PDB file of N, CA and C in Angstrom:
ATOM      1  N   UNK A   1       0.851  -1.182   0.000  1.00  0.00           N
ATOM      2  CA  UNK A   1       0.000   0.000   0.000  1.00  0.00           C
ATOM      3  C   UNK A   1       0.889   1.235   0.000  1.00  0.00           C
ATOM      4  N   UNK A   2       0.590   2.227  -0.816  1.00  0.00           N
ATOM      5  CA  UNK A   2       1.423   3.418  -0.913  1.00  0.00           C
ATOM      6  C   UNK A   2       1.082   4.407   0.188  1.00  0.00           C
ATOM      7  N   UNK A   3       1.925   5.445   0.340  1.00  0.00           N
ATOM      8  CA  UNK A   3       1.697   6.472   1.348  1.00  0.00           C
ATOM      9  C   UNK A   3       0.411   7.230   1.062  1.00  0.00           C
ATOM     10  N   UNK A   4      -0.047   7.186  -0.183  1.00  0.00           N
ATOM     11  CA  UNK A   4      -1.252   7.916  -0.520  1.00  0.00           C
ATOM     12  C   UNK A   4      -2.511   7.156  -0.160  1.00  0.00           C
ATOM     13  N   UNK A   5      -2.391   5.877   0.122  1.00  0.00           N
ATOM     14  CA  UNK A   5      -3.567   5.071   0.392  1.00  0.00           C
ATOM     15  C   UNK A   5      -3.725   4.875   1.881  1.00  0.00           C
ATOM     16  N   UNK A   6      -4.964   4.830   2.309  1.00  0.00           N
ATOM     17  CA  UNK A   6      -5.256   4.561   3.710  1.00  0.00           C
ATOM     18  C   UNK A   6      -5.965   3.239   3.838  1.00  0.00           C
ATOM     19  N   UNK A   7      -6.402   2.931   5.019  1.00  0.00           N
ATOM     20  CA  UNK A   7      -7.122   1.719   5.294  1.00  0.00           C
ATOM     21  C   UNK A   7      -8.554   1.892   4.808  1.00  0.00           C
ATOM     22  N   UNK A   8      -8.987   1.071   3.871  1.00  0.00           N
ATOM     23  CA  UNK A   8     -10.329   1.213   3.317  1.00  0.00           C
ATOM     24  C   UNK A   8     -11.402   0.871   4.346  1.00  0.00           C
ATOM     25  N   UNK A   9     -11.032   0.241   5.448  1.00  0.00           N
ATOM     26  CA  UNK A   9     -11.982  -0.075   6.506  1.00  0.00           C
ATOM     27  C   UNK A   9     -12.233   1.113   7.423  1.00  0.00           C
ATOM     28  N   UNK A  10     -11.437   2.158   7.317  1.00  0.00           N
ATOM     29  CA  UNK A  10     -11.538   3.332   8.165  1.00  0.00           C
ATOM     30  C   UNK A  10     -12.659   4.235   7.663  1.00  0.00           C
ATOM     31  N   UNK A  11     -13.708   4.495   8.492  1.00  0.00           N
ATOM     32  CA  UNK A  11     -14.807   5.351   8.034  1.00  0.00           C
ATOM     33  C   UNK A  11     -14.343   6.751   7.672  1.00  0.00           C
ATOM     34  N   UNK A  12     -13.323   7.261   8.354  1.00  0.00           N
ATOM     35  CA  UNK A  12     -12.824   8.586   8.029  1.00  0.00           C
ATOM     36  C   UNK A  12     -12.206   8.601   6.636  1.00  0.00           C
ATOM     37  N   UNK A  13     -11.611   7.511   6.230  1.00  0.00           N
ATOM     38  CA  UNK A  13     -11.024   7.441   4.893  1.00  0.00           C
ATOM     39  C   UNK A  13     -12.102   7.643   3.837  1.00  0.00           C
ATOM     40  N   UNK A  14     -13.318   7.177   4.084  1.00  0.00           N
ATOM     41  CA  UNK A  14     -14.405   7.369   3.138  1.00  0.00           C
ATOM     42  C   UNK A  14     -14.715   8.847   2.957  1.00  0.00           C
ATOM     43  N   UNK A  15     -14.560   9.650   4.016  1.00  0.00           N
ATOM     44  CA  UNK A  15     -14.749  11.090   3.902  1.00  0.00           C
ATOM     45  C   UNK A  15     -13.713  11.679   2.963  1.00  0.00           C
ATOM     46  N   UNK A  16     -12.503  11.184   3.030  1.00  0.00           N
ATOM     47  CA  UNK A  16     -11.436  11.690   2.178  1.00  0.00           C
ATOM     48  C   UNK A  16     -11.737  11.384   0.721  1.00  0.00           C
ATOM     49  N   UNK A  17     -12.101  10.144   0.429  1.00  0.00           N
ATOM     50  CA  UNK A  17     -12.334   9.761  -0.951  1.00  0.00           C
ATOM     51  C   UNK A  17     -13.623  10.357  -1.485  1.00  0.00           C
ATOM     52  N   UNK A  18     -14.525  10.793  -0.615  1.00  0.00           N
ATOM     53  CA  UNK A  18     -15.763  11.422  -1.055  1.00  0.00           C
ATOM     54  C   UNK A  18     -15.489  12.796  -1.659  1.00  0.00           C
ATOM     55  N   UNK A  19     -14.394  13.428  -1.281  1.00  0.00           N
ATOM     56  CA  UNK A  19     -14.033  14.746  -1.800  1.00  0.00           C
ATOM     57  C   UNK A  19     -12.717  14.609  -2.560  1.00  0.00           C
ATOM     58  N   UNK A  20     -12.787  14.548  -3.888  1.00  0.00           N
ATOM     59  CA  UNK A  20     -11.560  14.368  -4.674  1.00  0.00           C
ATOM     60  C   UNK A  20     -10.525  15.454  -4.412  1.00  0.00           C
ATOM     61  N   UNK A  21     -10.971  16.663  -4.099  1.00  0.00           N
ATOM     62  CA  UNK A  21     -10.021  17.742  -3.828  1.00  0.00           C
ATOM     63  C   UNK A  21      -9.161  17.407  -2.612  1.00  0.00           C
ATOM     64  N   UNK A  22      -9.751  16.815  -1.602  1.00  0.00           N
ATOM     65  CA  UNK A  22      -8.999  16.424  -0.406  1.00  0.00           C
ATOM     66  C   UNK A  22      -8.158  15.187  -0.702  1.00  0.00           C
ATOM     67  N   UNK A  23      -8.710  14.256  -1.445  1.00  0.00           N
ATOM     68  CA  UNK A  23      -8.000  13.013  -1.748  1.00  0.00           C
ATOM     69  C   UNK A  23      -6.708  13.266  -2.518  1.00  0.00           C
ATOM     70  N   UNK A  24      -6.629  14.383  -3.219  1.00  0.00           N
ATOM     71  CA  UNK A  24      -5.441  14.690  -4.010  1.00  0.00           C
ATOM     72  C   UNK A  24      -4.434  15.573  -3.283  1.00  0.00           C
ATOM     73  N   UNK A  25      -4.720  15.949  -2.042  1.00  0.00           N
ATOM     74  CA  UNK A  25      -3.802  16.817  -1.305  1.00  0.00           C
ATOM     75  C   UNK A  25      -2.595  16.048  -0.790  1.00  0.00           C
ATOM     76  N   UNK A  26      -1.456  16.718  -0.791  1.00  0.00           N
ATOM     77  CA  UNK A  26      -0.277  16.150  -0.134  1.00  0.00           C
ATOM     78  C   UNK A  26      -0.489  16.258   1.374  1.00  0.00           C
ATOM     79  N   UNK A  27       0.357  15.586   2.129  1.00  0.00           N
ATOM     80  CA  UNK A  27       0.269  15.670   3.585  1.00  0.00           C
ATOM     81  C   UNK A  27       0.393  17.119   4.037  1.00  0.00           C
ATOM     82  N   UNK A  28       1.372  17.827   3.497  1.00  0.00           N
ATOM     83  CA  UNK A  28       1.626  19.207   3.912  1.00  0.00           C
ATOM     84  C   UNK A  28       0.454  20.117   3.585  1.00  0.00           C
ATOM     85  N   UNK A  29      -0.148  19.929   2.415  1.00  0.00           N
ATOM     86  CA  UNK A  29      -1.297  20.740   2.026  1.00  0.00           C
ATOM     87  C   UNK A  29      -2.491  20.466   2.943  1.00  0.00           C
ATOM     88  N   UNK A  30      -2.755  19.203   3.214  1.00  0.00           N
ATOM     89  CA  UNK A  30      -3.874  18.837   4.080  1.00  0.00           C
ATOM     90  C   UNK A  30      -3.662  19.371   5.495  1.00  0.00           C
ATOM     91  N   UNK A  31      -2.446  19.261   6.007  1.00  0.00           N
ATOM     92  CA  UNK A  31      -2.145  19.749   7.357  1.00  0.00           C
ATOM     93  C   UNK A  31      -2.314  21.258   7.434  1.00  0.00           C
ATOM     94  N   UNK A  32      -1.823  21.963   6.418  1.00  0.00           N
ATOM     95  CA  UNK A  32      -1.933  23.421   6.394  1.00  0.00           C
ATOM     96  C   UNK A  32      -3.401  23.857   6.364  1.00  0.00           C
ATOM     97  N   UNK A  33      -4.193  23.193   5.542  1.00  0.00           N
ATOM     98  CA  UNK A  33      -5.608  23.537   5.474  1.00  0.00           C
ATOM     99  C   UNK A  33      -6.326  23.177   6.776  1.00  0.00           C
ATOM    100  N   UNK A  34      -5.937  22.062   7.388  1.00  0.00           N
ATOM    101  CA  UNK A  34      -6.531  21.666   8.657  1.00  0.00           C
ATOM    102  C   UNK A  34      -6.250  22.713   9.735  1.00  0.00           C
ATOM    103  N   UNK A  35      -5.039  23.228   9.772  1.00  0.00           N
ATOM    104  CA  UNK A  35      -4.693  24.286  10.731  1.00  0.00           C
ATOM    105  C   UNK A  35      -5.582  25.509  10.501  1.00  0.00           C
ATOM    106  N   UNK A  36      -5.813  25.857   9.245  1.00  0.00           N
ATOM    107  CA  UNK A  36      -6.665  27.013   8.922  1.00  0.00           C
ATOM    108  C   UNK A  36      -8.107  26.770   9.366  1.00  0.00           C
ATOM    109  N   UNK A  37      -8.612  25.559   9.159  1.00  0.00           N
ATOM    110  CA  UNK A  37      -9.978  25.222   9.568  1.00  0.00           C
ATOM    111  C   UNK A  37     -10.109  25.323  11.083  1.00  0.00           C
ATOM    112  N   UNK A  38      -9.146  24.773  11.808  1.00  0.00           N
ATOM    113  CA  UNK A  38      -9.181  24.831  13.274  1.00  0.00           C
ATOM    114  C   UNK A  38      -9.154  26.286  13.741  1.00  0.00           C
ATOM    115  N   UNK A  39      -8.331  27.101  13.110  1.00  0.00           N
ATOM    116  CA  UNK A  39      -8.263  28.518  13.476  1.00  0.00           C
ATOM    117  C   UNK A  39      -9.605  29.206  13.263  1.00  0.00           C
ATOM    118  N   UNK A  40     -10.261  28.896  12.154  1.00  0.00           N
ATOM    119  CA  UNK A  40     -11.575  29.484  11.883  1.00  0.00           C
ATOM    120  C   UNK A  40     -12.587  29.058  12.940  1.00  0.00           C
ATOM    121  N   UNK A  41     -12.569  27.785  13.303  1.00  0.00           N
ATOM    122  CA  UNK A  41     -13.510  27.296  14.314  1.00  0.00           C
ATOM    123  C   UNK A  41     -13.223  27.935  15.672  1.00  0.00           C
ATOM    124  N   UNK A  42     -11.952  28.050  16.020  1.00  0.00           N
ATOM    125  CA  UNK A  42     -11.590  28.640  17.304  1.00  0.00           C
ATOM    126  C   UNK A  42     -11.924  30.123  17.369  1.00  0.00           C
ATOM    127  N   UNK A  43     -11.878  30.808  16.232  1.00  0.00           N
ATOM    128  CA  UNK A  43     -12.167  32.237  16.196  1.00  0.00           C
ATOM    129  C   UNK A  43     -13.647  32.512  16.476  1.00  0.00           C
ATOM    130  N   UNK A  44     -14.493  31.543  16.175  1.00  0.00           N
ATOM    131  CA  UNK A  44     -15.924  31.735  16.384  1.00  0.00           C
ATOM    132  C   UNK A  44     -16.504  32.651  15.329  1.00  0.00           C
ATOM    133  N   UNK A  45     -17.750  33.040  15.539  1.00  0.00           N
ATOM    134  CA  UNK A  45     -18.405  33.962  14.630  1.00  0.00           C
ATOM    135  C   UNK A  45     -19.100  33.310  13.454  1.00  0.00           C
ATOM    136  N   UNK A  46     -18.874  32.043  13.244  1.00  0.00           N
ATOM    137  CA  UNK A  46     -19.528  31.345  12.132  1.00  0.00           C
ATOM    138  C   UNK A  46     -20.911  30.888  12.579  1.00  0.00           C
ATOM    139  N   UNK A  47     -21.792  30.772  11.616  1.00  0.00           N
ATOM    140  CA  UNK A  47     -23.117  30.230  11.925  1.00  0.00           C
ATOM    141  C   UNK A  47     -22.967  28.743  12.267  1.00  0.00           C
ATOM    142  N   UNK A  48     -24.017  28.167  12.789  1.00  0.00           N
ATOM    143  CA  UNK A  48     -23.992  26.737  13.103  1.00  0.00           C
ATOM    144  C   UNK A  48     -23.734  25.922  11.842  1.00  0.00           C
ATOM    145  N   UNK A  49     -24.403  26.273  10.763  1.00  0.00           N
ATOM    146  CA  UNK A  49     -24.221  25.537   9.512  1.00  0.00           C
ATOM    147  C   UNK A  49     -22.785  25.658   8.999  1.00  0.00           C
ATOM    148  N   UNK A  50     -22.221  26.851   9.067  1.00  0.00           N
ATOM    149  CA  UNK A  50     -20.833  27.054   8.646  1.00  0.00           C
ATOM    150  C   UNK A  50     -19.875  26.265   9.542  1.00  0.00           C
ATOM    151  N   UNK A  51     -20.147  26.289  10.836  1.00  0.00           N
ATOM    152  CA  UNK A  51     -19.298  25.554  11.777  1.00  0.00           C
ATOM    153  C   UNK A  51     -19.333  24.060  11.504  1.00  0.00           C
ATOM    154  N   UNK A  52     -20.518  23.541  11.219  1.00  0.00           N
ATOM    155  CA  UNK A  52     -20.637  22.109  10.906  1.00  0.00           C
ATOM    156  C   UNK A  52     -19.887  21.769   9.622  1.00  0.00           C
ATOM    157  N   UNK A  53     -19.990  22.633   8.621  1.00  0.00           N
ATOM    158  CA  UNK A  53     -19.268  22.388   7.363  1.00  0.00           C
ATOM    159  C   UNK A  53     -17.756  22.427   7.605  1.00  0.00           C
ATOM    160  N   UNK A  54     -17.302  23.381   8.409  1.00  0.00           N
ATOM    161  CA  UNK A  54     -15.874  23.450   8.738  1.00  0.00           C
ATOM    162  C   UNK A  54     -15.438  22.202   9.496  1.00  0.00           C
ATOM    163  N   UNK A  55     -16.250  21.773  10.449  1.00  0.00           N
ATOM    164  CA  UNK A  55     -15.930  20.581  11.238  1.00  0.00           C
ATOM    165  C   UNK A  55     -15.799  19.359  10.323  1.00  0.00           C
ATOM    166  N   UNK A  56     -16.759  19.189   9.429  1.00  0.00           N
ATOM    167  CA  UNK A  56     -16.722  18.043   8.519  1.00  0.00           C
ATOM    168  C   UNK A  56     -15.487  18.095   7.623  1.00  0.00           C
ATOM    169  N   UNK A  57     -15.160  19.273   7.122  1.00  0.00           N
ATOM    170  CA  UNK A  57     -13.960  19.412   6.283  1.00  0.00           C
ATOM    171  C   UNK A  57     -12.712  19.107   7.117  1.00  0.00           C
ATOM    172  N   UNK A  58     -12.694  19.582   8.352  1.00  0.00           N
ATOM    173  CA  UNK A  58     -11.568  19.299   9.238  1.00  0.00           C
ATOM    174  C   UNK A  58     -11.398  17.806   9.486  1.00  0.00           C
ATOM    175  N   UNK A  59     -12.499  17.112   9.679  1.00  0.00           N
ATOM    176  CA  UNK A  59     -12.442  15.659   9.875  1.00  0.00           C
ATOM    177  C   UNK A  59     -11.864  14.973   8.637  1.00  0.00           C
ATOM    178  N   UNK A  60     -12.306  15.403   7.468  1.00  0.00           N
ATOM    179  CA  UNK A  60     -11.804  14.804   6.228  1.00  0.00           C
ATOM    180  C   UNK A  60     -10.316  15.119   6.038  1.00  0.00           C
ATOM    181  N   UNK A  61      -9.912  16.332   6.371  1.00  0.00           N
ATOM    182  CA  UNK A  61      -8.494  16.697   6.255  1.00  0.00           C
ATOM    183  C   UNK A  61      -7.647  15.905   7.246  1.00  0.00           C
ATOM    184  N   UNK A  62      -8.148  15.736   8.458  1.00  0.00           N
ATOM    185  CA  UNK A  62      -7.421  14.948   9.457  1.00  0.00           C
ATOM    186  C   UNK A  62      -7.284  13.497   9.001  1.00  0.00           C
ATOM    187  N   UNK A  63      -8.336  12.961   8.390  1.00  0.00           N
ATOM    188  CA  UNK A  63      -8.269  11.592   7.875  1.00  0.00           C
ATOM    189  C   UNK A  63      -7.246  11.486   6.750  1.00  0.00           C
ATOM    190  N   UNK A  64      -7.158  12.514   5.916  1.00  0.00           N
ATOM    191  CA  UNK A  64      -6.169  12.521   4.831  1.00  0.00           C
ATOM    192  C   UNK A  64      -4.754  12.507   5.401  1.00  0.00           C
ATOM    193  N   UNK A  65      -4.539  13.330   6.415  1.00  0.00           N
ATOM    194  CA  UNK A  65      -3.225  13.348   7.068  1.00  0.00           C
ATOM    195  C   UNK A  65      -2.908  11.982   7.672  1.00  0.00           C
ATOM    196  N   UNK A  66      -3.886  11.383   8.325  1.00  0.00           N
ATOM    197  CA  UNK A  66      -3.677  10.067   8.934  1.00  0.00           C
ATOM    198  C   UNK A  66      -3.373   9.013   7.875  1.00  0.00           C
ATOM    199  N   UNK A  67      -4.036   9.099   6.725  1.00  0.00           N
ATOM    200  CA  UNK A  67      -3.772   8.145   5.643  1.00  0.00           C
ATOM    201  C   UNK A  67      -2.329   8.274   5.160  1.00  0.00           C
ATOM    202  N   UNK A  68      -1.849   9.499   5.015  1.00  0.00           N
ATOM    203  CA  UNK A  68      -0.449   9.715   4.615  1.00  0.00           C
ATOM    204  C   UNK A  68       0.493   9.142   5.665  1.00  0.00           C
ATOM    205  N   UNK A  69       0.214   9.421   6.926  1.00  0.00           N
ATOM    206  CA  UNK A  69       1.095   8.936   7.993  1.00  0.00           C
ATOM    207  C   UNK A  69       1.097   7.412   8.077  1.00  0.00           C
ATOM    208  N   UNK A  70      -0.058   6.804   7.915  1.00  0.00           N
ATOM    209  CA  UNK A  70      -0.130   5.335   7.937  1.00  0.00           C
ATOM    210  C   UNK A  70       0.657   4.747   6.777  1.00  0.00           C
ATOM    211  N   UNK A  71       0.532   5.355   5.610  1.00  0.00           N
ATOM    212  CA  UNK A  71       1.309   4.897   4.459  1.00  0.00           C
ATOM    213  C   UNK A  71       2.801   5.021   4.708  1.00  0.00           C
ATOM    214  N   UNK A  72       3.206   6.114   5.326  1.00  0.00           N
ATOM    215  CA  UNK A  72       4.624   6.311   5.646  1.00  0.00           C
ATOM    216  C   UNK A  72       5.094   5.265   6.652  1.00  0.00           C
ATOM    217  N   UNK A  73       4.250   4.969   7.659  1.00  0.00           N
ATOM    218  CA  UNK A  73       4.602   3.926   8.641  1.00  0.00           C
ATOM    219  C   UNK A  73       4.806   2.582   7.951  1.00  0.00           C
ATOM    220  N   UNK A  74       3.911   2.260   7.052  1.00  0.00           N
ATOM    221  CA  UNK A  74       4.010   0.977   6.343  1.00  0.00           C
ATOM    222  C   UNK A  74       5.275   0.914   5.494  1.00  0.00           C
ATOM    223  N   UNK A  75       5.610   2.006   4.844  1.00  0.00           N
ATOM    224  CA  UNK A  75       6.835   2.036   4.031  1.00  0.00           C
ATOM    225  C   UNK A  75       8.069   1.878   4.908  1.00  0.00           C
ATOM    226  N   UNK A  76       8.084   2.543   6.063  1.00  0.00           N
ATOM    227  CA  UNK A  76       9.219   2.415   6.986  1.00  0.00           C
ATOM    228  C   UNK A  76       9.333   0.989   7.509  1.00  0.00           C
ATOM    229  N   UNK A  77       8.202   0.406   7.875  1.00  0.00           N
ATOM    230  CA  UNK A  77       8.206  -0.978   8.359  1.00  0.00           C
ATOM    231  C   UNK A  77       8.754  -1.927   7.300  1.00  0.00           C
ATOM    232  N   UNK A  78       8.341  -1.719   6.053  1.00  0.00           N
ATOM    233  CA  UNK A  78       8.811  -2.570   4.957  1.00  0.00           C
ATOM    234  C   UNK A  78      10.307  -2.373   4.736  1.00  0.00           C
ATOM    235  N   UNK A  79      10.778  -1.155   4.853  1.00  0.00           N
ATOM    236  CA  UNK A  79      12.203  -0.870   4.640  1.00  0.00           C
ATOM    237  C   UNK A  79      13.072  -1.449   5.766  1.00  0.00           C
ATOM    238  N   UNK A  80      12.499  -1.566   6.950  1.00  0.00           N
ATOM    239  CA  UNK A  80      13.260  -2.070   8.098  1.00  0.00           C
ATOM    240  C   UNK A  80      13.334  -3.586   8.148  1.00  0.00           C
ATOM    241  N   UNK A  81      12.465  -4.267   7.397  1.00  0.00           N
ATOM    242  CA  UNK A  81      12.467  -5.727   7.402  1.00  0.00           C
ATOM    243  C   UNK A  81      13.752  -6.220   6.765  1.00  0.00           C
ATOM    244  N   UNK A  82      14.380  -7.211   7.387  1.00  0.00           N
ATOM    245  CA  UNK A  82      15.567  -7.798   6.759  1.00  0.00           C
ATOM    246  C   UNK A  82      15.186  -8.461   5.438  1.00  0.00           C
ATOM    247  N   UNK A  83      16.118  -8.464   4.519  1.00  0.00           N
ATOM    248  CA  UNK A  83      15.866  -9.067   3.211  1.00  0.00           C
ATOM    249  C   UNK A  83      15.503 -10.541   3.398  1.00  0.00           C
ATOM    250  N   UNK A  84      14.553 -11.001   2.625  1.00  0.00           N
ATOM    251  CA  UNK A  84      14.173 -12.413   2.674  1.00  0.00           C
ATOM    252  C   UNK A  84      12.993 -12.682   3.591  1.00  0.00           C
ATOM    253  N   UNK A  85      12.511 -11.707   4.310  1.00  0.00           N
ATOM    254  CA  UNK A  85      11.345 -11.937   5.173  1.00  0.00           C
ATOM    255  C   UNK A  85      10.076 -11.662   4.439  1.00  0.00           C
TER     256      UNK A  85
END
């Protein structure tokens, strides 16, 4: 599995694949956007509907970041295995 792929059993991963724009983000892009979403939520002033939309986008961005990190973990684990295993 590549760094771009996550666990298909993860419900959060489905949020990522539901939005192609998020599914195509690099880890750094997703993290940067997630920080911006959190800042907007913390600042307040948004309507309930806007806050819910921001929350949902934040969840999808967090899942994208987690998918990248899981892929990186798997690649590191594979690289650390002795040859022949």
